[in-house]
Amino acid sequence: MTTSHTSTLTILPIITYVITNVIAGNIALSLGMVGALSIVRFRNPVRSPLELTVYFSSITMGIAAAVNIYWAIELFLFILLSIIILYVVSKVSRQYLNKEFFSASFSEGNSLSTLELITEDEINEINKSVYLKSKQVERGQIKYLFVASKHDVLKDIAESVQNNQLLISYQLNL
């Protein structure tokens, strides 16, 4: 699951809850809200679901603040709490499970760098890397594929094995 997708699925129900409570029973306000959200959705080039969610939350905060400031404060606090929880889950997953909680998606505009190492035998230090995505044994050679969003991380891995006697070749792509 991507960061954008998880954040959207976490924040959108909160926005829906607040807006339905704010416009409950008020026909004029509900029609105005539908119109405002339609304009944002169809008039702006939205690049990701999270971007659209941010637009909707901003409009919802404005309308909620106009009706009752406590709804806007509640919405802000719940969104802030959701972001903090997602951040903590991501950090805990990375630190204790040695896995990324969120996967990178090309649709999010994340550019990924790759490093391919070809070795004669296994190199134990790189077998434990969180950036190792695949390991292929073929004709007495081992091909390692590392993927990361930060080019420098892969550059450091390449430099750490550059003088290793088992290394046959490597290719680093931006």
C-alpha atoms as a PDB file:
ATOM      1  CA  MET A   1       0.000   0.000   0.000  1.00  0.00           C
ATOM      2  CA  THR A   2       1.357   3.417  -0.863  1.00  0.00           C
ATOM      3  CA  THR A   3       1.689   6.397   1.460  1.00  0.00           C
ATOM      4  CA  SER A   4      -0.806   8.398  -0.557  1.00  0.00           C
ATOM      5  CA  HIS A   5      -3.364   5.601  -0.630  1.00  0.00           C
ATOM      6  CA  THR A   6      -3.139   4.851   3.110  1.00  0.00           C
ATOM      7  CA  SER A   7      -3.284   8.528   4.050  1.00  0.00           C
ATOM      8  CA  THR A   8      -6.316   9.046   1.837  1.00  0.00           C
ATOM      9  CA  LEU A   9      -8.114   6.037   3.321  1.00  0.00           C
ATOM     10  CA  THR A  10      -7.358   7.300   6.821  1.00  0.00           C
ATOM     11  CA  ILE A  11      -8.257  10.975   6.399  1.00  0.00           C
ATOM     12  CA  LEU A  12     -11.255  10.815   4.020  1.00  0.00           C
ATOM     13  CA  PRO A  13     -13.636   9.139   6.532  1.00  0.00           C
ATOM     14  CA  ILE A  14     -12.810  11.840   9.083  1.00  0.00           C
ATOM     15  CA  ILE A  15     -13.622  14.544   6.544  1.00  0.00           C
ATOM     16  CA  THR A  16     -16.866  12.764   5.631  1.00  0.00           C
ATOM     17  CA  TYR A  17     -17.859  12.486   9.288  1.00  0.00           C
ATOM     18  CA  VAL A  18     -17.299  16.173   9.967  1.00  0.00           C
ATOM     19  CA  ILE A  19     -19.015  17.420   6.822  1.00  0.00           C
ATOM     20  CA  THR A  20     -22.086  15.209   7.294  1.00  0.00           C
ATOM     21  CA  ASN A  21     -22.472  16.453  10.873  1.00  0.00           C
ATOM     22  CA  VAL A  22     -21.997  20.074   9.827  1.00  0.00           C
ATOM     23  CA  ILE A  23     -24.524  19.999   6.976  1.00  0.00           C
ATOM     24  CA  ALA A  24     -27.022  17.641   8.644  1.00  0.00           C
ATOM     25  CA  GLY A  25     -30.519  18.972   8.028  1.00  0.00           C
ATOM     26  CA  ASN A  26     -29.398  22.085   6.155  1.00  0.00           C
ATOM     27  CA  ILE A  27     -30.354  21.759   2.481  1.00  0.00           C
ATOM     28  CA  ALA A  28     -28.761  25.034   1.379  1.00  0.00           C
ATOM     29  CA  LEU A  29     -25.452  24.180   3.013  1.00  0.00           C
ATOM     30  CA  SER A  30     -25.443  20.659   1.576  1.00  0.00           C
ATOM     31  CA  LEU A  31     -26.085  21.919  -1.974  1.00  0.00           C
ATOM     32  CA  GLY A  32     -23.337  24.515  -1.565  1.00  0.00           C
ATOM     33  CA  MET A  33     -20.943  21.829  -0.358  1.00  0.00           C
ATOM     34  CA  VAL A  34     -21.708  19.561  -3.312  1.00  0.00           C
ATOM     35  CA  GLY A  35     -21.124  22.499  -5.659  1.00  0.00           C
ATOM     36  CA  ALA A  36     -17.848  23.480  -4.026  1.00  0.00           C
ATOM     37  CA  LEU A  37     -16.477  19.949  -4.068  1.00  0.00           C
ATOM     38  CA  SER A  38     -17.554  19.471  -7.683  1.00  0.00           C
ATOM     39  CA  ILE A  39     -15.725  22.616  -8.750  1.00  0.00           C
ATOM     40  CA  VAL A  40     -12.543  21.483  -7.014  1.00  0.00           C
ATOM     41  CA  ARG A  41     -12.784  17.954  -8.392  1.00  0.00           C
ATOM     42  CA  PHE A  42     -13.531  18.809 -12.008  1.00  0.00           C
ATOM     43  CA  ARG A  43     -11.736  22.142 -12.471  1.00  0.00           C
ATOM     44  CA  ASN A  44      -8.334  21.342 -10.977  1.00  0.00           C
ATOM     45  CA  PRO A  45      -5.863  18.862 -12.426  1.00  0.00           C
ATOM     46  CA  VAL A  46      -5.501  16.476  -9.494  1.00  0.00           C
ATOM     47  CA  ARG A  47      -2.339  14.392  -9.559  1.00  0.00           C
ATOM     48  CA  SER A  48      -3.078  12.041  -6.677  1.00  0.00           C
ATOM     49  CA  PRO A  49      -5.948  11.000  -4.385  1.00  0.00           C
ATOM     50  CA  LEU A  50      -4.101  12.541  -1.436  1.00  0.00           C
ATOM     51  CA  GLU A  51      -3.996  15.927  -3.168  1.00  0.00           C
ATOM     52  CA  LEU A  52      -7.761  15.763  -3.711  1.00  0.00           C
ATOM     53  CA  THR A  53      -8.224  14.794  -0.065  1.00  0.00           C
ATOM     54  CA  VAL A  54      -6.214  17.847   1.013  1.00  0.00           C
ATOM     55  CA  TYR A  55      -8.448  20.093  -1.137  1.00  0.00           C
ATOM     56  CA  PHE A  56     -11.590  18.516   0.329  1.00  0.00           C
ATOM     57  CA  SER A  57     -10.297  18.857   3.890  1.00  0.00           C
ATOM     58  CA  SER A  58      -9.500  22.532   3.333  1.00  0.00           C
ATOM     59  CA  ILE A  59     -12.987  23.230   2.025  1.00  0.00           C
ATOM     60  CA  THR A  60     -14.517  21.189   4.855  1.00  0.00           C
ATOM     61  CA  MET A  61     -12.498  23.117   7.450  1.00  0.00           C
ATOM     62  CA  GLY A  62     -13.690  26.416   6.011  1.00  0.00           C
ATOM     63  CA  ILE A  63     -17.348  25.410   5.989  1.00  0.00           C
ATOM     64  CA  ALA A  64     -17.100  23.755   9.402  1.00  0.00           C
ATOM     65  CA  ALA A  65     -15.475  26.871  10.874  1.00  0.00           C
ATOM     66  CA  ALA A  66     -18.266  29.033   9.449  1.00  0.00           C
ATOM     67  CA  VAL A  67     -20.934  26.844  11.064  1.00  0.00           C
ATOM     68  CA  ASN A  68     -19.139  26.097  14.341  1.00  0.00           C
ATOM     69  CA  ILE A  69     -15.428  26.558  15.069  1.00  0.00           C
ATOM     70  CA  TYR A  70     -15.363  23.386  17.182  1.00  0.00           C
ATOM     71  CA  TRP A  71     -15.998  21.222  14.087  1.00  0.00           C
ATOM     72  CA  ALA A  72     -12.987  22.766  12.344  1.00  0.00           C
ATOM     73  CA  ILE A  73     -10.810  22.241  15.419  1.00  0.00           C
ATOM     74  CA  GLU A  74     -12.009  18.634  15.727  1.00  0.00           C
ATOM     75  CA  LEU A  75     -11.266  17.975  12.048  1.00  0.00           C
ATOM     76  CA  PHE A  76      -7.794  19.491  12.336  1.00  0.00           C
ATOM     77  CA  LEU A  77      -6.954  17.471  15.463  1.00  0.00           C
ATOM     78  CA  PHE A  78      -8.184  14.184  13.965  1.00  0.00           C
ATOM     79  CA  ILE A  79      -6.203  14.728  10.766  1.00  0.00           C
ATOM     80  CA  LEU A  80      -3.107  15.636  12.796  1.00  0.00           C
ATOM     81  CA  LEU A  81      -3.564  12.520  14.942  1.00  0.00           C
ATOM     82  CA  SER A  82      -3.922  10.352  11.811  1.00  0.00           C
ATOM     83  CA  ILE A  83      -0.712  11.753  10.335  1.00  0.00           C
ATOM     84  CA  ILE A  84       1.192  11.167  13.574  1.00  0.00           C
ATOM     85  CA  ILE A  85      -0.073   7.565  13.819  1.00  0.00           C
ATOM     86  CA  LEU A  86       0.903   6.813  10.202  1.00  0.00           C
ATOM     87  CA  TYR A  87       4.351   8.341  10.785  1.00  0.00           C
ATOM     88  CA  VAL A  88       4.929   6.286  13.944  1.00  0.00           C
ATOM     89  CA  VAL A  89       3.752   3.062  12.278  1.00  0.00           C
ATOM     90  CA  SER A  90       6.103   3.711   9.371  1.00  0.00           C
ATOM     91  CA  LYS A  91       9.087   4.378  11.671  1.00  0.00           C
ATOM     92  CA  VAL A  92       8.377   1.337  13.871  1.00  0.00           C
ATOM     93  CA  SER A  93       8.029  -0.885  10.811  1.00  0.00           C
ATOM     94  CA  ARG A  94      11.309   0.370   9.380  1.00  0.00           C
ATOM     95  CA  GLN A  95      13.227   0.122  12.651  1.00  0.00           C
ATOM     96  CA  TYR A  96      11.939  -3.111  14.206  1.00  0.00           C
ATOM     97  CA  LEU A  97      10.751  -5.146  11.228  1.00  0.00           C
ATOM     98  CA  ASN A  98      13.393  -3.890   8.757  1.00  0.00           C
ATOM     99  CA  LYS A  99      10.634  -3.391   6.194  1.00  0.00           C
ATOM    100  CA  GLU A 100       9.054  -0.349   4.675  1.00  0.00           C
ATOM    101  CA  PHE A 101       5.411  -0.031   5.744  1.00  0.00           C
ATOM    102  CA  PHE A 102       4.582   1.865   2.586  1.00  0.00           C
ATOM    103  CA  SER A 103       5.635   0.807  -0.869  1.00  0.00           C
ATOM    104  CA  ALA A 104       6.711   3.319  -3.450  1.00  0.00           C
ATOM    105  CA  SER A 105       4.451   3.788  -6.434  1.00  0.00           C
ATOM    106  CA  PHE A 106       5.362   5.231  -9.795  1.00  0.00           C
ATOM    107  CA  SER A 107       1.933   6.846  -9.928  1.00  0.00           C
ATOM    108  CA  GLU A 108       2.924   9.016  -6.965  1.00  0.00           C
ATOM    109  CA  GLY A 109       5.791  10.525  -8.927  1.00  0.00           C
ATOM    110  CA  ASN A 110       8.461   8.844  -6.841  1.00  0.00           C
ATOM    111  CA  SER A 111      11.575   8.322  -8.884  1.00  0.00           C
ATOM    112  CA  LEU A 112      13.373   5.168  -7.841  1.00  0.00           C
ATOM    113  CA  SER A 113      17.046   4.391  -8.241  1.00  0.00           C
ATOM    114  CA  THR A 114      18.282   0.856  -8.785  1.00  0.00           C
ATOM    115  CA  LEU A 115      21.569  -0.886  -8.152  1.00  0.00           C
ATOM    116  CA  GLU A 116      22.366  -4.241  -9.715  1.00  0.00           C
ATOM    117  CA  LEU A 117      25.341  -6.175  -8.366  1.00  0.00           C
ATOM    118  CA  ILE A 118      26.728  -9.341  -9.935  1.00  0.00           C
ATOM    119  CA  THR A 119      28.939 -11.400  -7.647  1.00  0.00           C
ATOM    120  CA  GLU A 120      30.713 -14.765  -7.713  1.00  0.00           C
ATOM    121  CA  ASP A 121      29.319 -15.743  -4.309  1.00  0.00           C
ATOM    122  CA  GLU A 122      27.085 -14.321  -1.566  1.00  0.00           C
ATOM    123  CA  ILE A 123      28.168 -11.175   0.269  1.00  0.00           C
ATOM    124  CA  ASN A 124      26.720 -11.407   3.775  1.00  0.00           C
ATOM    125  CA  GLU A 125      26.669  -7.684   4.589  1.00  0.00           C
ATOM    126  CA  ILE A 126      24.374  -6.808   1.695  1.00  0.00           C
ATOM    127  CA  ASN A 127      22.013  -9.758   2.238  1.00  0.00           C
ATOM    128  CA  LYS A 128      20.543  -7.913   5.251  1.00  0.00           C
ATOM    129  CA  SER A 129      19.869  -4.593   3.497  1.00  0.00           C
ATOM    130  CA  VAL A 130      16.286  -3.276   3.599  1.00  0.00           C
ATOM    131  CA  TYR A 131      16.806  -2.037   0.026  1.00  0.00           C
ATOM    132  CA  LEU A 132      17.414  -5.551  -1.368  1.00  0.00           C
ATOM    133  CA  LYS A 133      14.426  -6.342  -3.587  1.00  0.00           C
ATOM    134  CA  SER A 134      15.576  -9.472  -5.374  1.00  0.00           C
ATOM    135  CA  LYS A 135      18.395 -11.986  -5.401  1.00  0.00           C
ATOM    136  CA  GLN A 136      18.885 -14.304  -8.354  1.00  0.00           C
ATOM    137  CA  VAL A 137      21.323 -17.205  -8.636  1.00  0.00           C
ATOM    138  CA  GLU A 138      22.251 -18.004 -12.214  1.00  0.00           C
ATOM    139  CA  ARG A 139      25.187 -19.976 -13.672  1.00  0.00           C
ATOM    140  CA  GLY A 140      27.378 -19.675 -10.605  1.00  0.00           C
ATOM    141  CA  GLN A 141      26.711 -15.944 -10.257  1.00  0.00           C
ATOM    142  CA  ILE A 142      24.444 -14.046  -7.914  1.00  0.00           C
ATOM    143  CA  LYS A 143      22.550 -10.963  -9.100  1.00  0.00           C
ATOM    144  CA  TYR A 144      21.368  -8.584  -6.406  1.00  0.00           C
ATOM    145  CA  LEU A 145      18.813  -5.863  -7.162  1.00  0.00           C
ATOM    146  CA  PHE A 146      18.508  -2.929  -4.762  1.00  0.00           C
ATOM    147  CA  VAL A 147      15.806  -0.264  -5.064  1.00  0.00           C
ATOM    148  CA  ALA A 148      15.585   3.036  -3.156  1.00  0.00           C
ATOM    149  CA  SER A 149      14.102   6.481  -3.577  1.00  0.00           C
ATOM    150  CA  LYS A 150      17.392   8.070  -2.491  1.00  0.00           C
ATOM    151  CA  HIS A 151      20.255   7.663  -4.948  1.00  0.00           C
ATOM    152  CA  ASP A 152      22.878   8.280  -2.237  1.00  0.00           C
ATOM    153  CA  VAL A 153      21.842   5.173  -0.297  1.00  0.00           C
ATOM    154  CA  LEU A 154      22.526   2.935  -3.277  1.00  0.00           C
ATOM    155  CA  LYS A 155      25.740   4.788  -4.033  1.00  0.00           C
ATOM    156  CA  ASP A 156      26.936   3.998  -0.497  1.00  0.00           C
ATOM    157  CA  ILE A 157      26.100   0.300  -0.976  1.00  0.00           C
ATOM    158  CA  ALA A 158      28.015   0.242  -4.274  1.00  0.00           C
ATOM    159  CA  GLU A 159      31.034   1.923  -2.677  1.00  0.00           C
ATOM    160  CA  SER A 160      31.006  -0.505   0.262  1.00  0.00           C
ATOM    161  CA  VAL A 161      31.365  -3.543  -2.032  1.00  0.00           C
ATOM    162  CA  GLN A 162      33.431  -1.930  -4.797  1.00  0.00           C
ATOM    163  CA  ASN A 163      36.723  -3.454  -3.568  1.00  0.00           C
ATOM    164  CA  ASN A 164      35.223  -6.828  -2.673  1.00  0.00           C
ATOM    165  CA  GLN A 165      36.953  -9.712  -4.466  1.00  0.00           C
ATOM    166  CA  LEU A 166      33.592 -11.425  -5.129  1.00  0.00           C
ATOM    167  CA  LEU A 167      32.163  -8.477  -7.094  1.00  0.00           C
ATOM    168  CA  ILE A 168      32.100  -9.050 -10.865  1.00  0.00           C
ATOM    169  CA  SER A 169      30.210  -5.907 -11.918  1.00  0.00           C
ATOM    170  CA  TYR A 170      27.635  -3.387 -10.821  1.00  0.00           C
ATOM    171  CA  GLN A 171      25.240  -0.959 -12.467  1.00  0.00           C
ATOM    172  CA  LEU A 172      23.737   2.062 -10.706  1.00  0.00           C
ATOM    173  CA  ASN A 173      20.722   3.717 -12.361  1.00  0.00           C
ATOM    174  CA  LEU A 174      19.134   7.014 -11.371  1.00  0.00           C
END
